[in-house]
Every structure is written in structure tokens, then in C-alpha cells.
Amino acid sequence: MGRPGRAEGGRGMGERQVFWEPTGDLGLEHLRLEIDSTRLVANGMILRGMAGGSPFRLRYTLRCDASARVRGVEVRQWREDVERRLDLQADGEGGWADASGRTLPELHGCIDLDIAVTPFTNTLPIRRLGLRSGQAEEIDVVYVAVPDLGVSRVRQRYTRLRGEPGGDRYLYENLRNGYRAELTVDADGVVLDYPGQWRRREAGGSAA
């Protein structure tokens, strides 16, 4: 593979604009992704209507190093005129703290973060792990639930099924609840199709 944390053949540098829509619900996510030799920064805005619940808006900013290790996240959610906020800092080695700097020992050892309502956060372990075809790895992630923005530790497994020109397929498994899905990703590890959850509607990129 190329440098750690980079999908084979990926562009790896520059700015991308990506759009997804959920399957089964009304909604849209717009992602602005910036990647250079020192960092990865993702800014996402999600508009979503959920069955049996009121619509919500969610905005997130994820700051990572060049190997897709999370260094900070800010999440803002608006639902029924109520705003919720989550701010976390990470050292990239498994240490986490809240907005006040208080350490969060229950999250110690987690490198990746998974926000429940976006397909983008699957990209982080895919890029970071750099798996070969047929290889699998189990990881502990910081899981952010929506709509309450509660934080917990969740065990997950990623398996790289096969490489294809311009992209790959991965098996994603949540080992806590048994959920599994085969994800199709592009050469940068960004989800193209998340069966039953999200599908890419438009994607583009331009040199930084």
C-alpha cells in the first residue's frame, strides 16, 4: 500500500465535496473533506427526517492527523429548537478529554470515532488501518449516538474483502449488537454505498 492511512490509488491531497442521501428517510449530507500531507479535516452538515421522530440538523467537524487518527471533534445538533453540543479532544494515541480538558478514562485506547448518522466516519479506520485484501482487524471506537449525543465505547471489526480499480469493498461489523454491512468505498476510502443506510448521490474533487 501507499503511505499509512491512505487507500491504494487515492488522490490523498486536496479538497473534496461529497453528497449522500439516506435510504428510507428524507435527508441529505454534504461533506467538505480536506486532505494534505499533515492533516485530514472533515466538515459535514446533515439534514435528516427520521421515521417516528422530528427532523434534525447536525453539523460536525473532525480534525485528524495525516494517518486519520482523530485529534478533535465538534458536533452540534438542532432538533425541535433544542441545541445539543459535544466537544472532544484526542491525542491520537488513545487518550481523550472533554471540552473542559477533563480526561475520559472510559475511552482510553480508542483511536477512531463513529458518529451514528454519517457514513463518513467509516473512512477513518479504513484509511488508518491500511488493510490488505482478506485482512481483518478489531478496534474499539468512540461511538456518538444520535439524537442524544451520548458517548460510549464500542468494539468493531473491519475486513477488507477485495480491491478493485478505483475502490474497494469492506465488511463492517458492530461486535456489540451483531450489525454487519458490506461497504463499497472509493479509492480514498470514502463510502459510495452503505446498503440500507446511505448512498452517494454526487461527488467531486478539486486540487487544493
Foldseek 3Di string as FASTA:
>chain_A
DPDALFFPPDPQAAWKWFKKAWPPWGKIKIWIWGGDQFWIKIWMWIWTDDVPFFIKIKIKIFIGTNLLFTAKMWMWMATPNDIDIFIKGDPQQFWIAGPVRHTDVQRGQARFEAEPQDQFSQSRCCRRVVDDAQDKDKGWYWYQYPPVRDTHIWIKMKHWHDDDVFWTWIWIAGPVPGDIFIFIAGRRSRTQDTPNTMHIDDMDTDHD
